[in-house]
PDB file of N, CA and C in Angstrom:
ATOM      1  N   MET A   1      87.665 111.306  88.490  1.00  0.00           N
ATOM      2  CA  MET A   1      89.041 110.858  88.684  1.00  0.00           C
ATOM      3  C   MET A   1      89.624 110.467  87.164  1.00  0.00           C
ATOM      4  N   ALA A   2      90.698 111.135  86.860  1.00  0.00           N
ATOM      5  CA  ALA A   2      91.208 110.778  85.458  1.00  0.00           C
ATOM      6  C   ALA A   2      92.288 109.682  85.723  1.00  0.00           C
ATOM      7  N   ASP A   3      92.584 109.085  84.548  1.00  0.00           N
ATOM      8  CA  ASP A   3      93.600 108.031  84.545  1.00  0.00           C
ATOM      9  C   ASP A   3      94.864 108.586  84.044  1.00  0.00           C
ATOM     10  N   LEU A   4      95.950 107.820  84.322  1.00  0.00           N
ATOM     11  CA  LEU A   4      97.332 108.215  83.707  1.00  0.00           C
ATOM     12  C   LEU A   4      97.782 107.111  82.854  1.00  0.00           C
ATOM     13  N   ASN A   5      98.261 107.407  81.708  1.00  0.00           N
ATOM     14  CA  ASN A   5      98.908 106.453  80.805  1.00  0.00           C
ATOM     15  C   ASN A   5     100.400 106.509  81.008  1.00  0.00           C
ATOM     16  N   LEU A   6     100.994 105.471  81.336  1.00  0.00           N
ATOM     17  CA  LEU A   6     102.460 105.330  81.653  1.00  0.00           C
ATOM     18  C   LEU A   6     103.121 104.320  80.698  1.00  0.00           C
ATOM     19  N   LYS A   7     104.399 104.479  80.467  1.00  0.00           N
ATOM     20  CA  LYS A   7     105.124 103.430  79.775  1.00  0.00           C
ATOM     21  C   LYS A   7     105.974 102.742  80.911  1.00  0.00           C
ATOM     22  N   VAL A   8     105.893 101.452  80.897  1.00  0.00           N
ATOM     23  CA  VAL A   8     106.661 100.709  81.922  1.00  0.00           C
ATOM     24  C   VAL A   8     107.557  99.670  81.136  1.00  0.00           C
ATOM     25  N   GLU A   9     108.838  99.585  81.557  1.00  0.00           N
ATOM     26  CA  GLU A   9     109.769  98.556  80.846  1.00  0.00           C
ATOM     27  C   GLU A   9     110.496  97.845  81.919  1.00  0.00           C
ATOM     28  N   PHE A  10     110.644  96.550  81.559  1.00  0.00           N
ATOM     29  CA  PHE A  10     111.425  95.566  82.435  1.00  0.00           C
ATOM     30  C   PHE A  10     112.634  95.098  81.678  1.00  0.00           C
ATOM     31  N   GLY A  11     113.780  94.962  82.496  1.00  0.00           N
ATOM     32  CA  GLY A  11     114.926  94.431  81.780  1.00  0.00           C
ATOM     33  C   GLY A  11     115.762  93.679  82.761  1.00  0.00           C
ATOM     34  N   GLY A  12     116.866  93.073  82.351  1.00  0.00           N
ATOM     35  CA  GLY A  12     117.734  92.344  83.108  1.00  0.00           C
ATOM     36  C   GLY A  12     117.166  91.003  83.657  1.00  0.00           C
ATOM     37  N   GLY A  13     116.210  90.480  82.935  1.00  0.00           N
ATOM     38  CA  GLY A  13     115.452  89.168  83.312  1.00  0.00           C
ATOM     39  C   GLY A  13     114.123  89.397  83.905  1.00  0.00           C
ATOM     40  N   LEU A  14     113.795  90.684  84.475  1.00  0.00           N
ATOM     41  CA  LEU A  14     112.513  90.869  85.036  1.00  0.00           C
ATOM     42  C   LEU A  14     111.491  90.680  84.099  1.00  0.00           C
ATOM     43  N   GLU A  15     111.626  90.916  82.787  1.00  0.00           N
ATOM     44  CA  GLU A  15     110.655  90.695  81.768  1.00  0.00           C
ATOM     45  C   GLU A  15     110.018  89.391  81.769  1.00  0.00           C
ATOM     46  N   LEU A  16     110.916  88.339  82.162  1.00  0.00           N
ATOM     47  CA  LEU A  16     110.337  87.015  82.250  1.00  0.00           C
ATOM     48  C   LEU A  16     109.147  86.788  83.319  1.00  0.00           C
ATOM     49  N   LEU A  17     109.134  87.771  84.193  1.00  0.00           N
ATOM     50  CA  LEU A  17     107.943  87.666  85.199  1.00  0.00           C
ATOM     51  C   LEU A  17     106.770  88.381  84.705  1.00  0.00           C
ATOM     52  N   PHE A  18     106.981  89.215  83.643  1.00  0.00           N
ATOM     53  CA  PHE A  18     105.832  90.029  83.116  1.00  0.00           C
ATOM     54  C   PHE A  18     105.577  89.651  81.715  1.00  0.00           C
ATOM     55  N   SER A  19     104.980  88.445  81.516  1.00  0.00           N
ATOM     56  CA  SER A  19     104.585  87.812  80.222  1.00  0.00           C
ATOM     57  C   SER A  19     105.746  87.841  79.153  1.00  0.00           C
ATOM     58  N   ASN A  20     106.910  87.883  79.590  1.00  0.00           N
ATOM     59  CA  ASN A  20     108.131  87.800  78.762  1.00  0.00           C
ATOM     60  C   ASN A  20     108.063  88.961  77.803  1.00  0.00           C
ATOM     61  N   LYS A  21     107.581  90.115  78.318  1.00  0.00           N
ATOM     62  CA  LYS A  21     107.492  91.319  77.445  1.00  0.00           C
ATOM     63  C   LYS A  21     108.090  92.456  78.079  1.00  0.00           C
ATOM     64  N   ARG A  22     108.980  93.041  77.440  1.00  0.00           N
ATOM     65  CA  ARG A  22     109.866  94.173  78.012  1.00  0.00           C
ATOM     66  C   ARG A  22     109.091  95.398  78.112  1.00  0.00           C
ATOM     67  N   LYS A  23     108.313  95.831  77.244  1.00  0.00           N
ATOM     68  CA  LYS A  23     107.547  97.120  77.193  1.00  0.00           C
ATOM     69  C   LYS A  23     106.081  96.986  77.330  1.00  0.00           C
ATOM     70  N   HIS A  24     105.495  97.755  78.299  1.00  0.00           N
ATOM     71  CA  HIS A  24     104.131  97.728  78.494  1.00  0.00           C
ATOM     72  C   HIS A  24     103.621  99.145  78.551  1.00  0.00           C
ATOM     73  N   VAL A  25     102.503  99.410  78.025  1.00  0.00           N
ATOM     74  CA  VAL A  25     101.714 100.705  78.215  1.00  0.00           C
ATOM     75  C   VAL A  25     100.579 100.401  79.238  1.00  0.00           C
ATOM     76  N   VAL A  26     100.560 101.126  80.343  1.00  0.00           N
ATOM     77  CA  VAL A  26      99.579 100.754  81.387  1.00  0.00           C
ATOM     78  C   VAL A  26      98.766 102.040  81.688  1.00  0.00           C
ATOM     79  N   THR A  27      97.527 101.846  82.135  1.00  0.00           N
ATOM     80  CA  THR A  27      96.653 102.915  82.623  1.00  0.00           C
ATOM     81  C   THR A  27      96.288 102.675  83.996  1.00  0.00           C
ATOM     82  N   VAL A  28      96.706 103.677  84.803  1.00  0.00           N
ATOM     83  CA  VAL A  28      96.512 103.564  86.256  1.00  0.00           C
ATOM     84  C   VAL A  28      95.664 104.790  86.616  1.00  0.00           C
ATOM     85  N   PRO A  29      94.908 104.729  87.815  1.00  0.00           N
ATOM     86  CA  PRO A  29      94.256 105.859  88.298  1.00  0.00           C
ATOM     87  C   PRO A  29      95.192 107.016  88.650  1.00  0.00           C
ATOM     88  N   SER A  30      94.755 108.274  88.633  1.00  0.00           N
ATOM     89  CA  SER A  30      95.595 109.335  88.984  1.00  0.00           C
ATOM     90  C   SER A  30      95.677 109.434  90.507  1.00  0.00           C
ATOM     91  N   THR A  31      94.620 108.990  91.227  1.00  0.00           N
ATOM     92  CA  THR A  31      94.684 109.097  92.619  1.00  0.00           C
ATOM     93  C   THR A  31      94.550 107.634  93.255  1.00  0.00           C
ATOM     94  N   VAL A  32      94.988 107.382  94.356  1.00  0.00           N
ATOM     95  CA  VAL A  32      94.922 106.157  95.093  1.00  0.00           C
ATOM     96  C   VAL A  32      93.378 105.863  95.313  1.00  0.00           C
ATOM     97  N   PRO A  33      92.832 104.704  94.830  1.00  0.00           N
ATOM     98  CA  PRO A  33      91.355 104.513  94.884  1.00  0.00           C
ATOM     99  C   PRO A  33      90.825 104.006  96.185  1.00  0.00           C
ATOM    100  N   GLU A  34      91.758 103.477  97.051  1.00  0.00           N
ATOM    101  CA  GLU A  34      91.164 102.920  98.348  1.00  0.00           C
ATOM    102  C   GLU A  34      92.336 102.890  99.370  1.00  0.00           C
ATOM    103  N   GLY A  35      92.000 102.528 100.559  1.00  0.00           N
ATOM    104  CA  GLY A  35      92.837 102.365 101.683  1.00  0.00           C
ATOM    105  C   GLY A  35      93.207 103.672 102.387  1.00  0.00           C
ATOM    106  N   HIS A  36      94.228 103.644 103.253  1.00  0.00           N
ATOM    107  CA  HIS A  36      94.437 104.882 104.072  1.00  0.00           C
ATOM    108  C   HIS A  36      94.991 106.065 103.231  1.00  0.00           C
ATOM    109  N   ARG A  37      95.456 105.800 102.008  1.00  0.00           N
ATOM    110  CA  ARG A  37      95.958 106.803 101.190  1.00  0.00           C
ATOM    111  C   ARG A  37      95.016 107.206 100.105  1.00  0.00           C
ATOM    112  N   LYS A  38      93.698 106.854 100.206  1.00  0.00           N
ATOM    113  CA  LYS A  38      92.643 107.177  99.282  1.00  0.00           C
ATOM    114  C   LYS A  38      92.586 108.619  99.045  1.00  0.00           C
ATOM    115  N   GLY A  39      92.585 108.933  97.653  1.00  0.00           N
ATOM    116  CA  GLY A  39      92.475 110.272  97.156  1.00  0.00           C
ATOM    117  C   GLY A  39      93.803 111.061  96.922  1.00  0.00           C
ATOM    118  N   GLU A  40      95.001 110.306  97.490  1.00  0.00           N
ATOM    119  CA  GLU A  40      96.240 110.916  97.320  1.00  0.00           C
ATOM    120  C   GLU A  40      96.804 110.663  95.881  1.00  0.00           C
ATOM    121  N   PRO A  41      97.701 111.531  95.281  1.00  0.00           N
ATOM    122  CA  PRO A  41      98.194 111.248  93.999  1.00  0.00           C
ATOM    123  C   PRO A  41      99.034 109.933  93.960  1.00  0.00           C
ATOM    124  N   VAL A  42      98.827 109.213  92.913  1.00  0.00           N
ATOM    125  CA  VAL A  42      99.471 108.002  92.666  1.00  0.00           C
ATOM    126  C   VAL A  42     101.013 108.230  92.536  1.00  0.00           C
ATOM    127  N   ASP A  43     101.801 107.406  93.307  1.00  0.00           N
ATOM    128  CA  ASP A  43     103.244 107.410  93.324  1.00  0.00           C
ATOM    129  C   ASP A  43     103.838 106.108  92.828  1.00  0.00           C
ATOM    130  N   ILE A  44     105.123 105.991  92.828  1.00  0.00           N
ATOM    131  CA  ILE A  44     105.813 104.793  92.300  1.00  0.00           C
ATOM    132  C   ILE A  44     105.558 103.639  93.271  1.00  0.00           C
ATOM    133  N   ASN A  45     105.372 103.930  94.670  1.00  0.00           N
ATOM    134  CA  ASN A  45     105.013 102.868  95.577  1.00  0.00           C
ATOM    135  C   ASN A  45     103.701 102.205  95.174  1.00  0.00           C
ATOM    136  N   PHE A  46     102.648 103.101  94.852  1.00  0.00           N
ATOM    137  CA  PHE A  46     101.402 102.484  94.352  1.00  0.00           C
ATOM    138  C   PHE A  46     101.625 101.743  93.074  1.00  0.00           C
ATOM    139  N   LEU A  47     102.380 102.268  92.045  1.00  0.00           N
ATOM    140  CA  LEU A  47     102.607 101.662  90.816  1.00  0.00           C
ATOM    141  C   LEU A  47     103.207 100.223  91.046  1.00  0.00           C
ATOM    142  N   ILE A  48     104.154 100.154  91.919  1.00  0.00           N
ATOM    143  CA  ILE A  48     104.799  98.815  92.157  1.00  0.00           C
ATOM    144  C   ILE A  48     103.869  97.761  92.556  1.00  0.00           C
ATOM    145  N   HIS A  49     102.879  98.181  93.377  1.00  0.00           N
ATOM    146  CA  HIS A  49     101.844  97.128  93.882  1.00  0.00           C
ATOM    147  C   HIS A  49     100.849  96.978  92.848  1.00  0.00           C
ATOM    148  N   TRP A  50     100.512  97.966  92.008  1.00  0.00           N
ATOM    149  CA  TRP A  50      99.620  97.738  90.948  1.00  0.00           C
ATOM    150  C   TRP A  50     100.165  96.800  89.917  1.00  0.00           C
ATOM    151  N   LEU A  51     101.459  96.971  89.622  1.00  0.00           N
ATOM    152  CA  LEU A  51     102.081  96.044  88.616  1.00  0.00           C
ATOM    153  C   LEU A  51     102.145  94.649  89.207  1.00  0.00           C
ATOM    154  N   LYS A  52     102.302  94.524  90.432  1.00  0.00           N
ATOM    155  CA  LYS A  52     102.378  93.185  91.051  1.00  0.00           C
ATOM    156  C   LYS A  52     100.932  92.502  90.872  1.00  0.00           C
ATOM    157  N   ASP A  53      99.806  93.348  91.127  1.00  0.00           N
ATOM    158  CA  ASP A  53      98.491  92.842  91.070  1.00  0.00           C
ATOM    159  C   ASP A  53      97.958  92.621  89.641  1.00  0.00           C
ATOM    160  N   HIS A  54      98.427  93.437  88.702  1.00  0.00           N
ATOM    161  CA  HIS A  54      97.796  93.420  87.431  1.00  0.00           C
ATOM    162  C   HIS A  54      98.790  92.860  86.268  1.00  0.00           C
ATOM    163  N   LEU A  55     100.012  92.834  86.448  1.00  0.00           N
ATOM    164  CA  LEU A  55     100.883  92.365  85.264  1.00  0.00           C
ATOM    165  C   LEU A  55     101.708  91.148  85.675  1.00  0.00           C
ATOM    166  N   LEU A  56     102.235  91.155  86.951  1.00  0.00           N
ATOM    167  CA  LEU A  56     103.109  90.160  87.307  1.00  0.00           C
ATOM    168  C   LEU A  56     102.466  88.727  87.183  1.00  0.00           C
ATOM    169  N   GLU A  57     103.196  87.822  86.651  1.00  0.00           N
ATOM    170  CA  GLU A  57     102.610  86.485  86.370  1.00  0.00           C
ATOM    171  C   GLU A  57     103.006  85.484  87.258  1.00  0.00           C
ATOM    172  N   GLU A  58     104.304  85.601  87.876  1.00  0.00           N
ATOM    173  CA  GLU A  58     104.802  84.638  88.760  1.00  0.00           C
ATOM    174  C   GLU A  58     106.025  85.161  89.559  1.00  0.00           C
ATOM    175  N   ARG A  59     106.277  84.509  90.694  1.00  0.00           N
ATOM    176  CA  ARG A  59     107.383  84.843  91.512  1.00  0.00           C
ATOM    177  C   ARG A  59     107.369  86.254  92.046  1.00  0.00           C
ATOM    178  N   PRO A  60     106.443  86.744  92.758  1.00  0.00           N
ATOM    179  CA  PRO A  60     106.456  88.113  93.223  1.00  0.00           C
ATOM    180  C   PRO A  60     107.628  88.511  94.142  1.00  0.00           C
ATOM    181  N   GLU A  61     108.196  87.462  94.799  1.00  0.00           N
ATOM    182  CA  GLU A  61     109.334  87.753  95.666  1.00  0.00           C
ATOM    183  C   GLU A  61     110.587  88.189  94.881  1.00  0.00           C
ATOM    184  N   LEU A  62     110.648  87.872  93.552  1.00  0.00           N
ATOM    185  CA  LEU A  62     111.621  88.360  92.658  1.00  0.00           C
ATOM    186  C   LEU A  62     111.553  89.848  92.369  1.00  0.00           C
ATOM    187  N   PHE A  63     110.353  90.431  92.585  1.00  0.00           N
ATOM    188  CA  PHE A  63     110.111  91.762  92.267  1.00  0.00           C
ATOM    189  C   PHE A  63     109.926  92.645  93.427  1.00  0.00           C
ATOM    190  N   ILE A  64     109.214  92.195  94.541  1.00  0.00           N
ATOM    191  CA  ILE A  64     108.887  93.077  95.629  1.00  0.00           C
ATOM    192  C   ILE A  64     109.392  92.296  96.887  1.00  0.00           C
ATOM    193  N   GLU A  65     110.021  93.157  97.785  1.00  0.00           N
ATOM    194  CA  GLU A  65     110.441  92.763  99.102  1.00  0.00           C
ATOM    195  C   GLU A  65     110.216  93.954 100.043  1.00  0.00           C
ATOM    196  N   SER A  66     109.618  93.582 101.125  1.00  0.00           N
ATOM    197  CA  SER A  66     109.352  94.614 102.228  1.00  0.00           C
ATOM    198  C   SER A  66     108.560  95.736 101.635  1.00  0.00           C
ATOM    199  N   GLY A  67     107.658  95.634 100.736  1.00  0.00           N
ATOM    200  CA  GLY A  67     106.805  96.640 100.323  1.00  0.00           C
ATOM    201  C   GLY A  67     107.254  97.498  99.138  1.00  0.00           C
ATOM    202  N   THR A  68     108.492  97.249  98.700  1.00  0.00           N
ATOM    203  CA  THR A  68     109.067  98.013  97.571  1.00  0.00           C
ATOM    204  C   THR A  68     109.867  97.051  96.691  1.00  0.00           C
ATOM    205  N   VAL A  69     110.507  97.529  95.631  1.00  0.00           N
ATOM    206  CA  VAL A  69     111.272  96.618  94.785  1.00  0.00           C
ATOM    207  C   VAL A  69     112.423  95.968  95.519  1.00  0.00           C
ATOM    208  N   ARG A  70     112.753  94.781  95.192  1.00  0.00           N
ATOM    209  CA  ARG A  70     113.867  94.121  95.773  1.00  0.00           C
ATOM    210  C   ARG A  70     115.143  94.853  95.644  1.00  0.00           C
ATOM    211  N   PRO A  71     116.085  94.654  96.645  1.00  0.00           N
ATOM    212  CA  PRO A  71     117.417  95.246  96.411  1.00  0.00           C
ATOM    213  C   PRO A  71     118.066  94.663  95.130  1.00  0.00           C
ATOM    214  N   GLY A  72     118.694  95.476  94.369  1.00  0.00           N
ATOM    215  CA  GLY A  72     119.299  94.943  93.119  1.00  0.00           C
ATOM    216  C   GLY A  72     118.438  95.227  91.922  1.00  0.00           C
ATOM    217  N   ILE A  73     117.309  95.891  92.090  1.00  0.00           N
ATOM    218  CA  ILE A  73     116.473  96.323  90.975  1.00  0.00           C
ATOM    219  C   ILE A  73     116.686  97.879  90.839  1.00  0.00           C
ATOM    220  N   LEU A  74     117.178  98.239  89.763  1.00  0.00           N
ATOM    221  CA  LEU A  74     117.416  99.615  89.389  1.00  0.00           C
ATOM    222  C   LEU A  74     116.184 100.175  88.829  1.00  0.00           C
ATOM    223  N   VAL A  75     115.624 101.465  89.374  1.00  0.00           N
ATOM    224  CA  VAL A  75     114.432 101.962  88.914  1.00  0.00           C
ATOM    225  C   VAL A  75     114.768 103.327  88.254  1.00  0.00           C
ATOM    226  N   LEU A  76     114.362 103.540  87.097  1.00  0.00           N
ATOM    227  CA  LEU A  76     114.585 104.812  86.340  1.00  0.00           C
ATOM    228  C   LEU A  76     113.262 105.425  86.043  1.00  0.00           C
ATOM    229  N   VAL A  77     113.208 106.725  86.260  1.00  0.00           N
ATOM    230  CA  VAL A  77     112.016 107.561  86.005  1.00  0.00           C
ATOM    231  C   VAL A  77     112.371 108.509  84.931  1.00  0.00           C
ATOM    232  N   ASN A  78     111.876 108.428  83.792  1.00  0.00           N
ATOM    233  CA  ASN A  78     112.304 109.221  82.612  1.00  0.00           C
ATOM    234  C   ASN A  78     113.774 109.299  82.424  1.00  0.00           C
ATOM    235  N   ASP A  79     114.385 108.185  82.509  1.00  0.00           N
ATOM    236  CA  ASP A  79     115.842 108.011  82.351  1.00  0.00           C
ATOM    237  C   ASP A  79     116.704 108.541  83.509  1.00  0.00           C
ATOM    238  N   THR A  80     116.123 108.811  84.658  1.00  0.00           N
ATOM    239  CA  THR A  80     116.815 109.292  85.760  1.00  0.00           C
ATOM    240  C   THR A  80     116.609 108.350  87.075  1.00  0.00           C
ATOM    241  N   ASP A  81     117.703 108.118  87.736  1.00  0.00           N
ATOM    242  CA  ASP A  81     117.704 107.131  88.821  1.00  0.00           C
ATOM    243  C   ASP A  81     116.596 107.645  89.834  1.00  0.00           C
ATOM    244  N   TRP A  82     115.776 106.769  90.189  1.00  0.00           N
ATOM    245  CA  TRP A  82     114.607 107.159  91.095  1.00  0.00           C
ATOM    246  C   TRP A  82     115.096 107.774  92.415  1.00  0.00           C
ATOM    247  N   GLU A  83     116.238 107.497  92.893  1.00  0.00           N
ATOM    248  CA  GLU A  83     116.803 108.099  94.053  1.00  0.00           C
ATOM    249  C   GLU A  83     117.017 109.426  94.047  1.00  0.00           C
ATOM    250  N   LEU A  84     117.136 110.135  92.806  1.00  0.00           N
ATOM    251  CA  LEU A  84     117.225 111.503  92.629  1.00  0.00           C
ATOM    252  C   LEU A  84     115.799 112.190  92.461  1.00  0.00           C
ATOM    253  N   GLU A  85     114.703 111.383  92.258  1.00  0.00           N
ATOM    254  CA  GLU A  85     113.349 111.796  92.242  1.00  0.00           C
ATOM    255  C   GLU A  85     112.508 111.511  93.374  1.00  0.00           C
ATOM    256  N   GLY A  86     113.112 111.046  94.429  1.00  0.00           N
ATOM    257  CA  GLY A  86     112.314 110.821  95.629  1.00  0.00           C
ATOM    258  C   GLY A  86     111.960 109.307  95.856  1.00  0.00           C
ATOM    259  N   GLU A  87     112.517 108.429  95.079  1.00  0.00           N
ATOM    260  CA  GLU A  87     112.217 107.075  95.153  1.00  0.00           C
ATOM    261  C   GLU A  87     110.704 106.701  95.010  1.00  0.00           C
ATOM    262  N   GLY A  88     110.169 105.893  95.858  1.00  0.00           N
ATOM    263  CA  GLY A  88     108.843 105.501  95.832  1.00  0.00           C
ATOM    264  C   GLY A  88     107.811 106.666  96.077  1.00  0.00           C
ATOM    265  N   GLU A  89     108.196 107.763  96.511  1.00  0.00           N
ATOM    266  CA  GLU A  89     107.234 108.863  96.699  1.00  0.00           C
ATOM    267  C   GLU A  89     107.097 109.800  95.540  1.00  0.00           C
ATOM    268  N   TYR A  90     107.843 109.472  94.440  1.00  0.00           N
ATOM    269  CA  TYR A  90     107.732 110.242  93.211  1.00  0.00           C
ATOM    270  C   TYR A  90     106.256 110.097  92.817  1.00  0.00           C
ATOM    271  N   GLU A  91     105.649 111.214  92.580  1.00  0.00           N
ATOM    272  CA  GLU A  91     104.248 111.240  92.031  1.00  0.00           C
ATOM    273  C   GLU A  91     104.251 111.057  90.453  1.00  0.00           C
ATOM    274  N   VAL A  92     103.696 109.862  89.968  1.00  0.00           N
ATOM    275  CA  VAL A  92     103.717 109.649  88.542  1.00  0.00           C
ATOM    276  C   VAL A  92     102.893 110.703  87.818  1.00  0.00           C
ATOM    277  N   LYS A  93     103.421 110.997  86.571  1.00  0.00           N
ATOM    278  CA  LYS A  93     102.579 111.903  85.711  1.00  0.00           C
ATOM    279  C   LYS A  93     102.251 111.209  84.397  1.00  0.00           C
ATOM    280  N   GLU A  94     101.300 111.812  83.730  1.00  0.00           N
ATOM    281  CA  GLU A  94     100.867 111.401  82.370  1.00  0.00           C
ATOM    282  C   GLU A  94     102.116 111.235  81.439  1.00  0.00           C
ATOM    283  N   GLY A  95     102.253 110.078  80.837  1.00  0.00           N
ATOM    284  CA  GLY A  95     103.394 109.990  79.881  1.00  0.00           C
ATOM    285  C   GLY A  95     104.681 109.463  80.472  1.00  0.00           C
ATOM    286  N   ASP A  96     104.815 109.474  81.790  1.00  0.00           N
ATOM    287  CA  ASP A  96     106.067 108.971  82.375  1.00  0.00           C
ATOM    288  C   ASP A  96     106.585 107.608  81.941  1.00  0.00           C
ATOM    289  N   GLU A  97     107.787 107.470  81.888  1.00  0.00           N
ATOM    290  CA  GLU A  97     108.410 106.246  81.473  1.00  0.00           C
ATOM    291  C   GLU A  97     109.200 105.661  82.737  1.00  0.00           C
ATOM    292  N   ILE A  98     108.741 104.582  83.243  1.00  0.00           N
ATOM    293  CA  ILE A  98     109.315 103.929  84.497  1.00  0.00           C
ATOM    294  C   ILE A  98     110.034 102.671  84.079  1.00  0.00           C
ATOM    295  N   VAL A  99     111.201 102.465  84.238  1.00  0.00           N
ATOM    296  CA  VAL A  99     111.941 101.335  83.922  1.00  0.00           C
ATOM    297  C   VAL A  99     112.455 100.564  85.147  1.00  0.00           C
ATOM    298  N   PHE A 100     112.397  99.217  85.068  1.00  0.00           N
ATOM    299  CA  PHE A 100     112.804  98.439  86.207  1.00  0.00           C
ATOM    300  C   PHE A 100     113.954  97.498  85.651  1.00  0.00           C
ATOM    301  N   ILE A 101     115.063  97.502  86.139  1.00  0.00           N
ATOM    302  CA  ILE A 101     116.199  96.696  85.570  1.00  0.00           C
ATOM    303  C   ILE A 101     116.719  95.916  86.739  1.00  0.00           C
ATOM    304  N   SER A 102     116.789  94.526  86.652  1.00  0.00           N
ATOM    305  CA  SER A 102     117.325  93.762  87.573  1.00  0.00           C
ATOM    306  C   SER A 102     118.917  93.716  87.359  1.00  0.00           C
ATOM    307  N   THR A 103     119.657  93.955  88.364  1.00  0.00           N
ATOM    308  CA  THR A 103     121.117  93.809  88.295  1.00  0.00           C
ATOM    309  C   THR A 103     121.603  92.551  88.895  1.00  0.00           C
ATOM    310  N   LEU A 104     120.676  91.744  89.267  1.00  0.00           N
ATOM    311  CA  LEU A 104     121.137  90.376  89.896  1.00  0.00           C
ATOM    312  C   LEU A 104     121.000  89.351  88.824  1.00  0.00           C
ATOM    313  N   HIS A 105     122.046  88.533  88.714  1.00  0.00           N
ATOM    314  CA  HIS A 105     122.128  87.543  87.782  1.00  0.00           C
ATOM    315  C   HIS A 105     122.601  86.215  88.330  1.00  0.00           C
ATOM    316  N   GLY A 106     122.028  85.077  88.039  1.00  0.00           N
ATOM    317  CA  GLY A 106     122.501  83.803  88.558  1.00  0.00           C
ATOM    318  C   GLY A 106     123.865  83.324  88.005  1.00  0.00           C
ATOM    319  N   GLY A 107     124.456  82.405  88.577  1.00  0.00           N
ATOM    320  CA  GLY A 107     125.715  81.976  88.062  1.00  0.00           C
ATOM    321  C   GLY A 107     125.944  80.475  88.214  1.00  0.00           C
TER     322      GLY A 107
END
């Protein structure tokens, strides 16, 4: 099982939940290692939970809601809105750049 190297970036305040660091280079398995999806290609849904388990330092409720990113978080896959790429079902590929930007701001 090969691994995938991905660039992940957080903005709009989300970086505060991830070591106060905007850009990360992560290595994830190319296939889901366990559970009912074992052996299937890794997609953004898997990546979201992997990020929660491996990089998120606090307040998971500000990043994930109902198994996906919270409403108000824009997700870009290689500079394209993830809605055009299949949202969470997009299968990540070596070198992909995934950006999460919060559009919610306190007042």
